[in-house]
Amino acid sequence: MGSGNVMGGAREARTGGTQHGSTPLGSTPLGPTPNGPARLATALGIAGLIPFAAGAALALLSDDPAAARAALLAYGAVILSFLGAVHWGLALASGRADTRRAMQRFAISVLPSLLGWAALLLPQASGFALATAAFALLLAAETLGPLRAGLPGWYLRLRIGLTLGALVALAIGAPIGGGGAA
């Protein structure tokens, strides 16, 4: 029984082997039924795309596209820091279970913040390119590389969708050519 306690085991027995009380085997036609925290994280993650979409739209439609781009890039830098913090937290939570992996996570977890900060210091076109690369590299490390261990499948699926949304917004909002204020 997957929940690790007597109450969870009883719930699984009542629900045909699920921890969620939904369909047998805990799935829907679209895949596994997420638990409460996963649903909340999904809703908050999707809401977190609103500033990306607004920044991209304003960069296209505003009378001051440079300011809109600066705000979009700043939000991207903040989100990069947040994504690094996920791995800092996982390293803290690992305790002594896997010291080597925890040290690797701690080291990697600071890179998104540093890259986001550097993106803010560059001319806008270069900053957008760096932020875009940072989002893509972090996603690759989480889905294919050393950061994948310990991440639940729902988180990885969520990250793929949210990262694609962020990348599209950054591509739409990015200045064309090398111009733009730092």
Protein backbone atom coordinates (compact mmCIF):
# COMPACT_ATOMS: atom_id res chain seq x y z
CA MET A 1 0.00 0.00 0.00
CA GLY A 2 1.57 3.23 -1.17
CA SER A 3 0.67 5.67 1.60
CA GLY A 4 2.83 4.24 4.37
CA ASN A 5 0.22 4.24 7.17
CA VAL A 6 -2.78 2.27 8.34
CA MET A 7 -5.33 4.98 7.50
CA GLY A 8 -3.92 5.39 4.01
CA GLY A 9 -3.99 1.62 3.53
CA ALA A 10 -7.65 1.48 4.54
CA ARG A 11 -8.42 4.33 2.17
CA GLU A 12 -6.61 2.51 -0.64
CA ALA A 13 -8.62 -0.63 0.04
CA ARG A 14 -11.89 1.34 -0.12
CA THR A 15 -10.97 3.15 -3.32
CA GLY A 16 -9.66 0.30 -5.40
CA GLY A 17 -5.97 0.93 -4.73
CA THR A 18 -5.87 4.70 -5.05
CA GLN A 19 -4.85 7.25 -2.50
CA HIS A 20 -7.18 9.80 -4.01
CA GLY A 21 -10.60 8.21 -3.88
CA SER A 22 -11.17 8.79 -7.57
CA THR A 23 -11.03 6.26 -10.37
CA PRO A 24 -9.44 2.82 -10.03
CA LEU A 25 -5.66 2.94 -10.07
CA GLY A 26 -5.78 6.68 -9.31
CA SER A 27 -6.04 7.83 -12.88
CA THR A 28 -8.24 9.74 -15.26
CA PRO A 29 -8.26 9.54 -19.03
CA LEU A 30 -5.65 12.32 -18.89
CA GLY A 31 -3.31 10.60 -16.42
CA PRO A 32 -2.80 10.27 -12.67
CA THR A 33 -5.17 12.17 -10.43
CA PRO A 34 -3.08 14.72 -8.53
CA ASN A 35 -3.32 14.97 -4.76
CA GLY A 36 -4.33 18.17 -2.94
CA PRO A 37 -0.86 19.73 -2.76
CA ALA A 38 -0.24 18.88 -6.42
CA ARG A 39 -3.53 20.48 -7.42
CA LEU A 40 -2.72 23.61 -5.44
CA ALA A 41 0.80 23.77 -6.89
CA THR A 42 -0.67 23.39 -10.37
CA ALA A 43 -3.19 26.19 -9.81
CA LEU A 44 -0.55 28.50 -8.34
CA GLY A 45 1.90 27.63 -11.11
CA ILE A 46 -0.64 28.46 -13.78
CA ALA A 47 -1.43 31.73 -11.99
CA GLY A 48 2.31 32.41 -12.01
CA LEU A 49 2.17 32.50 -15.81
CA ILE A 50 -0.07 35.59 -15.70
CA PRO A 51 2.83 38.05 -15.21
CA PHE A 52 4.70 36.33 -18.04
CA ALA A 53 1.71 36.68 -20.38
CA ALA A 54 1.04 40.27 -19.27
CA GLY A 55 4.69 41.23 -19.71
CA ALA A 56 4.83 39.74 -23.19
CA ALA A 57 1.58 41.45 -24.19
CA LEU A 58 2.73 44.79 -22.83
CA ALA A 59 6.09 44.44 -24.60
CA LEU A 60 4.17 44.13 -27.86
CA LEU A 61 1.40 46.66 -27.25
CA SER A 62 2.74 49.23 -24.80
CA ASP A 63 3.87 52.75 -25.60
CA ASP A 64 6.95 51.93 -23.51
CA PRO A 65 8.04 48.44 -24.58
CA ALA A 66 11.46 48.78 -22.92
CA ALA A 67 9.83 49.18 -19.49
CA ALA A 68 7.51 46.24 -20.16
CA ARG A 69 10.49 44.13 -21.23
CA ALA A 70 12.39 45.14 -18.11
CA ALA A 71 9.45 44.05 -15.95
CA LEU A 72 9.12 40.77 -17.85
CA LEU A 73 12.82 40.01 -17.52
CA ALA A 74 12.78 40.92 -13.81
CA TYR A 75 9.87 38.53 -13.24
CA GLY A 76 11.78 35.83 -15.10
CA ALA A 77 14.78 36.40 -12.81
CA VAL A 78 12.54 36.13 -9.73
CA ILE A 79 11.06 32.86 -11.00
CA LEU A 80 14.52 31.47 -11.74
CA SER A 81 15.42 32.17 -8.10
CA PHE A 82 12.24 30.42 -6.98
CA LEU A 83 13.06 27.37 -9.08
CA GLY A 84 16.53 27.19 -7.60
CA ALA A 85 15.00 27.39 -4.13
CA VAL A 86 13.01 24.22 -4.87
CA HIS A 87 16.29 22.33 -5.03
CA TRP A 88 17.71 24.10 -1.99
CA GLY A 89 14.65 22.89 -0.07
CA LEU A 90 15.03 19.34 -1.37
CA ALA A 91 18.67 19.35 -0.29
CA LEU A 92 17.65 20.53 3.19
CA ALA A 93 14.94 17.88 3.40
CA SER A 94 17.28 15.06 2.40
CA GLY A 95 19.10 15.26 5.72
CA ARG A 96 21.81 12.64 5.94
CA ALA A 97 20.07 10.25 3.58
CA ASP A 98 22.25 11.18 0.60
CA THR A 99 24.92 13.72 1.48
CA ARG A 100 26.51 13.68 -1.97
CA ARG A 101 23.20 14.38 -3.74
CA ALA A 102 22.34 17.09 -1.19
CA MET A 103 25.67 18.82 -1.80
CA GLN A 104 25.09 18.62 -5.55
CA ARG A 105 21.60 20.10 -5.15
CA PHE A 106 22.87 22.92 -2.91
CA ALA A 107 25.55 23.81 -5.48
CA ILE A 108 23.18 23.70 -8.45
CA SER A 109 20.34 25.47 -6.61
CA VAL A 110 22.13 28.81 -6.55
CA LEU A 111 22.84 28.89 -10.29
CA PRO A 112 19.35 29.97 -11.42
CA SER A 113 19.47 33.00 -9.10
CA LEU A 114 22.92 33.97 -10.31
CA LEU A 115 21.93 33.57 -13.95
CA GLY A 116 18.73 35.57 -13.40
CA TRP A 117 20.69 38.34 -11.70
CA ALA A 118 23.25 38.39 -14.51
CA ALA A 119 20.41 38.58 -17.05
CA LEU A 120 19.22 41.79 -15.39
CA LEU A 121 22.66 43.37 -15.70
CA LEU A 122 23.03 42.71 -19.42
CA PRO A 123 21.52 44.66 -22.31
CA GLN A 124 17.94 43.46 -22.71
CA ALA A 125 18.48 41.25 -25.75
CA SER A 126 21.37 39.45 -24.07
CA GLY A 127 19.49 39.29 -20.79
CA PHE A 128 16.50 37.65 -22.46
CA ALA A 129 18.82 35.15 -24.16
CA LEU A 130 20.49 34.28 -20.85
CA ALA A 131 17.19 33.95 -18.97
CA THR A 132 15.77 31.77 -21.74
CA ALA A 133 18.84 29.54 -21.65
CA ALA A 134 18.67 29.32 -17.85
CA PHE A 135 15.03 28.18 -17.92
CA ALA A 136 15.78 25.59 -20.60
CA LEU A 137 18.92 24.27 -18.88
CA LEU A 138 17.22 23.97 -15.51
CA LEU A 139 14.33 22.08 -17.06
CA ALA A 140 16.79 19.75 -18.80
CA ALA A 141 18.61 19.13 -15.50
CA GLU A 142 15.29 18.34 -13.82
CA THR A 143 13.89 16.07 -16.52
CA LEU A 144 17.00 14.41 -17.91
CA GLY A 145 19.84 15.15 -15.55
CA PRO A 146 21.05 15.10 -11.99
CA LEU A 147 18.15 17.03 -10.47
CA ARG A 148 15.49 14.51 -11.55
CA ALA A 149 15.97 12.25 -8.54
CA GLY A 150 13.39 12.85 -5.85
CA LEU A 151 11.05 14.98 -7.98
CA PRO A 152 7.51 13.64 -8.27
CA GLY A 153 6.19 12.97 -11.75
CA TRP A 154 3.41 15.54 -11.38
CA TYR A 155 6.01 18.22 -10.61
CA LEU A 156 8.02 17.37 -13.71
CA ARG A 157 4.91 17.49 -15.90
CA LEU A 158 3.94 20.81 -14.33
CA ARG A 159 7.45 22.23 -14.81
CA ILE A 160 7.47 21.28 -18.48
CA GLY A 161 4.20 23.12 -19.11
CA LEU A 162 5.09 26.15 -17.02
CA THR A 163 8.57 26.42 -18.50
CA LEU A 164 7.16 26.26 -22.02
CA GLY A 165 4.77 29.08 -21.08
CA ALA A 166 7.63 31.16 -19.66
CA LEU A 167 9.80 30.50 -22.71
CA VAL A 168 7.04 31.55 -25.11
CA ALA A 169 6.45 34.75 -23.13
CA LEU A 170 10.17 35.55 -23.07
CA ALA A 171 10.41 34.91 -26.81
CA ILE A 172 7.43 37.18 -27.53
CA GLY A 173 8.66 39.92 -25.22
CA ALA A 174 12.33 39.83 -26.17
CA PRO A 175 13.70 42.80 -28.05
CA ILE A 176 14.70 42.13 -31.61
CA GLY A 177 18.38 42.75 -32.24
CA GLY A 178 20.93 43.84 -29.69
CA GLY A 179 19.24 47.00 -28.42
CA GLY A 180 17.37 47.71 -25.26
CA ALA A 181 18.32 49.18 -21.94
CA ALA A 182 20.11 47.15 -19.32
